[in-house]
Amino acid sequence: MMRINCPFCGPRDQDEFSYEGDASVLYPSLDAPREAWCEAVFFRKNPRGRVLELWQHIHGCRAFLVVERDTATQEILSVTYANQAVAAAVARERRADAVEAAE
């Protein structure tokens, strides 16, 4: 079992998370031709090595996370918030907590 280090909740077993797909896929615009959508949704590579995956912490903070994982070793290399606005808000809150604790 993998352990994913949620930036908000800390290390948790993978069964607390839901795999949401490949985080590196760039989807076409909504008015793109059917062939472009077919390519984006159904035809994927299965690379060996580093990949970016989208996971949701469904039994925790419910945040969407981008997990960088090595498919050959199952090693998790990094975990970040998928939404940068959430990441910035959490960072601001932690800085405020640190200032308050120091006072």
N, C-alpha and C. Protein backbone atom coordinates (compact mmCIF):
# COMPACT_ATOMS: atom_id res chain seq x y z
N MET A 1 0.84 -1.18 0.00
CA MET A 1 0.00 0.00 0.00
C MET A 1 0.89 1.25 0.00
N MET A 2 0.48 2.21 -0.79
CA MET A 2 1.21 3.48 -0.82
C MET A 2 0.74 4.38 0.32
N ARG A 3 1.64 5.24 0.78
CA ARG A 3 1.30 6.28 1.73
C ARG A 3 1.48 7.60 1.00
N ILE A 4 0.42 8.39 0.98
CA ILE A 4 0.45 9.69 0.32
C ILE A 4 0.50 10.75 1.39
N ASN A 5 1.47 11.65 1.27
CA ASN A 5 1.66 12.71 2.26
C ASN A 5 0.80 13.92 1.87
N CYS A 6 -0.42 13.95 2.37
CA CYS A 6 -1.32 15.07 2.09
C CYS A 6 -0.71 16.33 2.70
N PRO A 7 -0.60 17.42 1.93
CA PRO A 7 0.00 18.65 2.47
C PRO A 7 -0.77 19.23 3.65
N PHE A 8 -2.05 18.90 3.76
CA PHE A 8 -2.86 19.44 4.85
C PHE A 8 -2.99 18.46 6.01
N CYS A 9 -3.22 17.18 5.72
CA CYS A 9 -3.52 16.18 6.76
C CYS A 9 -2.32 15.35 7.18
N GLY A 10 -1.24 15.36 6.40
CA GLY A 10 -0.09 14.53 6.71
C GLY A 10 -0.17 13.18 5.99
N PRO A 11 0.77 12.27 6.30
CA PRO A 11 0.82 10.97 5.62
C PRO A 11 -0.42 10.13 5.91
N ARG A 12 -1.00 9.57 4.84
CA ARG A 12 -2.20 8.74 4.96
C ARG A 12 -2.09 7.57 3.98
N ASP A 13 -2.77 6.46 4.29
CA ASP A 13 -2.82 5.31 3.39
C ASP A 13 -3.58 5.68 2.13
N GLN A 14 -3.21 5.06 1.02
CA GLN A 14 -3.83 5.39 -0.26
C GLN A 14 -5.33 5.12 -0.29
N ASP A 15 -5.84 4.25 0.60
CA ASP A 15 -7.27 3.96 0.57
C ASP A 15 -8.12 5.13 1.06
N GLU A 16 -7.49 6.19 1.58
CA GLU A 16 -8.22 7.42 1.93
C GLU A 16 -8.41 8.32 0.70
N PHE A 17 -7.77 7.95 -0.41
CA PHE A 17 -7.75 8.79 -1.60
C PHE A 17 -8.47 8.11 -2.76
N SER A 18 -8.89 8.91 -3.72
CA SER A 18 -9.48 8.40 -4.95
C SER A 18 -8.61 8.86 -6.10
N TYR A 19 -8.19 7.90 -6.94
CA TYR A 19 -7.40 8.23 -8.13
C TYR A 19 -8.32 8.87 -9.15
N GLU A 20 -7.97 10.05 -9.63
CA GLU A 20 -8.82 10.79 -10.55
C GLU A 20 -8.28 10.85 -11.98
N GLY A 21 -7.07 10.34 -12.20
CA GLY A 21 -6.56 10.30 -13.57
C GLY A 21 -5.20 10.93 -13.74
N ASP A 22 -4.79 11.01 -14.99
CA ASP A 22 -3.50 11.56 -15.38
C ASP A 22 -3.54 13.09 -15.27
N ALA A 23 -2.66 13.64 -14.46
CA ALA A 23 -2.66 15.08 -14.23
C ALA A 23 -1.95 15.86 -15.33
N SER A 24 -1.32 15.16 -16.25
CA SER A 24 -0.58 15.86 -17.29
C SER A 24 -1.38 16.02 -18.59
N VAL A 25 -2.59 15.50 -18.63
CA VAL A 25 -3.41 15.59 -19.85
C VAL A 25 -3.94 17.01 -20.03
N LEU A 26 -3.77 17.53 -21.22
CA LEU A 26 -4.34 18.83 -21.57
C LEU A 26 -5.58 18.56 -22.42
N TYR A 27 -6.73 18.85 -21.87
CA TYR A 27 -7.98 18.58 -22.58
C TYR A 27 -8.25 19.68 -23.60
N PRO A 28 -8.86 19.31 -24.72
CA PRO A 28 -9.18 20.32 -25.74
C PRO A 28 -10.33 21.22 -25.30
N SER A 29 -10.53 22.28 -26.04
CA SER A 29 -11.64 23.19 -25.72
C SER A 29 -12.96 22.45 -25.94
N LEU A 30 -14.02 22.96 -25.34
CA LEU A 30 -15.32 22.30 -25.43
C LEU A 30 -15.85 22.21 -26.85
N ASP A 31 -15.44 23.14 -27.70
CA ASP A 31 -15.92 23.10 -29.08
C ASP A 31 -14.95 22.40 -30.04
N ALA A 32 -13.97 21.69 -29.48
CA ALA A 32 -13.00 20.97 -30.32
C ALA A 32 -13.69 19.80 -31.03
N PRO A 33 -13.12 19.35 -32.12
CA PRO A 33 -13.69 18.21 -32.84
C PRO A 33 -13.72 16.94 -31.98
N ARG A 34 -14.65 16.07 -32.30
CA ARG A 34 -14.81 14.81 -31.57
C ARG A 34 -13.50 14.01 -31.53
N GLU A 35 -12.73 14.03 -32.60
CA GLU A 35 -11.47 13.27 -32.67
C GLU A 35 -10.48 13.75 -31.61
N ALA A 36 -10.44 15.06 -31.37
CA ALA A 36 -9.53 15.61 -30.36
C ALA A 36 -9.93 15.13 -28.97
N TRP A 37 -11.22 15.10 -28.69
CA TRP A 37 -11.70 14.61 -27.40
C TRP A 37 -11.45 13.11 -27.25
N CYS A 38 -11.66 12.37 -28.31
CA CYS A 38 -11.41 10.93 -28.28
C CYS A 38 -9.94 10.66 -27.96
N GLU A 39 -9.07 11.40 -28.59
CA GLU A 39 -7.62 11.26 -28.35
C GLU A 39 -7.27 11.59 -26.90
N ALA A 40 -7.82 12.67 -26.37
CA ALA A 40 -7.51 13.10 -25.00
C ALA A 40 -8.06 12.14 -23.95
N VAL A 41 -9.24 11.58 -24.19
CA VAL A 41 -9.89 10.75 -23.18
C VAL A 41 -9.47 9.29 -23.24
N PHE A 42 -9.35 8.73 -24.44
CA PHE A 42 -9.18 7.28 -24.56
C PHE A 42 -7.78 6.81 -24.92
N PHE A 43 -6.99 7.62 -25.57
CA PHE A 43 -5.68 7.16 -26.03
C PHE A 43 -4.59 7.77 -25.18
N ARG A 44 -4.09 6.97 -24.25
CA ARG A 44 -3.06 7.43 -23.32
C ARG A 44 -1.84 6.53 -23.41
N LYS A 45 -0.71 7.10 -23.08
CA LYS A 45 0.52 6.32 -22.96
C LYS A 45 0.55 5.71 -21.56
N ASN A 46 1.29 4.65 -21.41
CA ASN A 46 1.48 4.01 -20.11
C ASN A 46 2.97 4.03 -19.81
N PRO A 47 3.49 5.19 -19.43
CA PRO A 47 4.95 5.34 -19.31
C PRO A 47 5.53 4.62 -18.09
N ARG A 48 6.75 4.23 -18.24
CA ARG A 48 7.51 3.69 -17.10
C ARG A 48 8.35 4.84 -16.58
N GLY A 49 8.28 5.08 -15.28
CA GLY A 49 9.05 6.17 -14.69
C GLY A 49 8.13 7.21 -14.06
N ARG A 50 8.56 8.44 -14.08
CA ARG A 50 7.82 9.52 -13.41
C ARG A 50 6.55 9.90 -14.16
N VAL A 51 5.45 9.99 -13.40
CA VAL A 51 4.17 10.43 -13.95
C VAL A 51 3.53 11.40 -12.96
N LEU A 52 2.62 12.22 -13.47
CA LEU A 52 1.83 13.11 -12.63
C LEU A 52 0.40 12.56 -12.58
N GLU A 53 -0.10 12.35 -11.37
CA GLU A 53 -1.44 11.80 -11.19
C GLU A 53 -2.28 12.74 -10.34
N LEU A 54 -3.57 12.75 -10.63
CA LEU A 54 -4.51 13.55 -9.84
C LEU A 54 -5.22 12.63 -8.86
N TRP A 55 -5.17 12.97 -7.58
CA TRP A 55 -5.82 12.20 -6.53
C TRP A 55 -6.68 13.16 -5.71
N GLN A 56 -7.77 12.65 -5.13
CA GLN A 56 -8.58 13.44 -4.22
C GLN A 56 -8.57 12.76 -2.86
N HIS A 57 -8.36 13.54 -1.81
CA HIS A 57 -8.34 13.01 -0.45
C HIS A 57 -9.79 12.93 0.05
N ILE A 58 -10.49 11.88 -0.39
CA ILE A 58 -11.93 11.78 -0.14
C ILE A 58 -12.29 11.49 1.31
N HIS A 59 -11.40 10.85 2.06
CA HIS A 59 -11.68 10.55 3.47
C HIS A 59 -10.84 11.45 4.38
N GLY A 60 -10.64 12.67 3.96
CA GLY A 60 -9.85 13.63 4.72
C GLY A 60 -10.30 15.03 4.37
N CYS A 61 -9.37 15.84 3.94
CA CYS A 61 -9.65 17.25 3.67
C CYS A 61 -10.38 17.47 2.34
N ARG A 62 -10.52 16.44 1.52
CA ARG A 62 -11.22 16.46 0.23
C ARG A 62 -10.48 17.27 -0.85
N ALA A 63 -9.25 17.66 -0.58
CA ALA A 63 -8.48 18.43 -1.55
C ALA A 63 -8.08 17.56 -2.73
N PHE A 64 -7.95 18.19 -3.90
CA PHE A 64 -7.39 17.53 -5.06
C PHE A 64 -5.89 17.77 -5.04
N LEU A 65 -5.13 16.70 -5.27
CA LEU A 65 -3.67 16.75 -5.17
C LEU A 65 -3.04 16.23 -6.45
N VAL A 66 -1.90 16.81 -6.81
CA VAL A 66 -1.09 16.28 -7.90
C VAL A 66 0.04 15.50 -7.24
N VAL A 67 0.08 14.20 -7.55
CA VAL A 67 1.09 13.31 -6.98
C VAL A 67 2.06 12.93 -8.09
N GLU A 68 3.34 13.21 -7.86
CA GLU A 68 4.38 12.77 -8.80
C GLU A 68 4.89 11.43 -8.28
N ARG A 69 4.73 10.38 -9.11
CA ARG A 69 5.05 9.03 -8.67
C ARG A 69 5.87 8.32 -9.74
N ASP A 70 6.80 7.47 -9.30
CA ASP A 70 7.58 6.65 -10.21
C ASP A 70 6.85 5.32 -10.37
N THR A 71 6.41 5.01 -11.58
CA THR A 71 5.63 3.79 -11.80
C THR A 71 6.48 2.53 -11.70
N ALA A 72 7.79 2.65 -11.81
CA ALA A 72 8.67 1.48 -11.72
C ALA A 72 8.91 1.08 -10.27
N THR A 73 9.03 2.07 -9.38
CA THR A 73 9.37 1.79 -7.98
C THR A 73 8.21 2.05 -7.02
N GLN A 74 7.14 2.70 -7.51
CA GLN A 74 5.99 3.13 -6.71
C GLN A 74 6.36 4.25 -5.72
N GLU A 75 7.57 4.80 -5.82
CA GLU A 75 7.99 5.88 -4.93
C GLU A 75 7.22 7.15 -5.26
N ILE A 76 6.72 7.80 -4.23
CA ILE A 76 6.05 9.09 -4.40
C ILE A 76 7.10 10.18 -4.21
N LEU A 77 7.30 10.99 -5.24
CA LEU A 77 8.36 11.98 -5.27
C LEU A 77 7.90 13.34 -4.75
N SER A 78 6.64 13.70 -5.00
CA SER A 78 6.12 14.97 -4.50
C SER A 78 4.60 14.93 -4.49
N VAL A 79 4.03 15.76 -3.62
CA VAL A 79 2.58 15.92 -3.54
C VAL A 79 2.31 17.40 -3.36
N THR A 80 1.48 17.96 -4.25
CA THR A 80 1.13 19.38 -4.16
C THR A 80 -0.37 19.53 -4.38
N TYR A 81 -0.90 20.65 -3.94
CA TYR A 81 -2.30 20.94 -4.21
C TYR A 81 -2.50 21.14 -5.70
N ALA A 82 -3.56 20.60 -6.25
CA ALA A 82 -3.86 20.79 -7.67
C ALA A 82 -4.27 22.23 -7.96
N ASN A 83 -4.95 22.85 -7.01
CA ASN A 83 -5.41 24.22 -7.16
C ASN A 83 -4.44 25.14 -6.44
N GLN A 84 -3.76 25.99 -7.18
CA GLN A 84 -2.75 26.87 -6.58
C GLN A 84 -3.35 27.92 -5.65
N ALA A 85 -4.61 28.28 -5.86
CA ALA A 85 -5.27 29.22 -4.95
C ALA A 85 -5.43 28.59 -3.57
N VAL A 86 -5.75 27.30 -3.53
CA VAL A 86 -5.85 26.58 -2.24
C VAL A 86 -4.48 26.54 -1.59
N ALA A 87 -3.45 26.22 -2.36
CA ALA A 87 -2.10 26.16 -1.82
C ALA A 87 -1.69 27.51 -1.21
N ALA A 88 -2.00 28.60 -1.89
CA ALA A 88 -1.66 29.93 -1.38
C ALA A 88 -2.43 30.25 -0.11
N ALA A 89 -3.71 29.88 -0.05
CA ALA A 89 -4.52 30.14 1.15
C ALA A 89 -4.00 29.35 2.34
N VAL A 90 -3.64 28.10 2.12
CA VAL A 90 -3.10 27.28 3.22
C VAL A 90 -1.77 27.86 3.70
N ALA A 91 -0.93 28.29 2.78
CA ALA A 91 0.37 28.88 3.15
C ALA A 91 0.16 30.15 3.97
N ARG A 92 -0.79 31.00 3.57
CA ARG A 92 -1.07 32.23 4.34
C ARG A 92 -1.55 31.89 5.75
N GLU A 93 -2.43 30.90 5.85
CA GLU A 93 -2.97 30.50 7.15
C GLU A 93 -1.86 29.95 8.05
N ARG A 94 -0.97 29.17 7.49
CA ARG A 94 0.14 28.62 8.29
C ARG A 94 1.09 29.71 8.75
N ARG A 95 1.34 30.70 7.87
CA ARG A 95 2.19 31.82 8.29
C ARG A 95 1.54 32.60 9.42
N ALA A 96 0.24 32.83 9.32
CA ALA A 96 -0.49 33.56 10.37
C ALA A 96 -0.45 32.78 11.67
N ASP A 97 -0.61 31.45 11.60
CA ASP A 97 -0.54 30.62 12.80
C ASP A 97 0.84 30.67 13.44
N ALA A 98 1.88 30.68 12.60
CA ALA A 98 3.25 30.73 13.11
C ALA A 98 3.53 32.06 13.80
N VAL A 99 3.04 33.16 13.23
CA VAL A 99 3.22 34.49 13.84
C VAL A 99 2.48 34.54 15.18
N GLU A 100 1.28 34.02 15.21
CA GLU A 100 0.49 34.02 16.44
C GLU A 100 1.15 33.17 17.52
N ALA A 101 1.71 32.04 17.14
CA ALA A 101 2.38 31.16 18.10
C ALA A 101 3.65 31.80 18.64
N ALA A 102 4.33 32.60 17.83
CA ALA A 102 5.57 33.25 18.25
C ALA A 102 5.33 34.40 19.21
N GLU A 103 4.13 34.95 19.19
CA GLU A 103 3.85 36.11 20.04
C GLU A 103 3.56 35.72 21.46
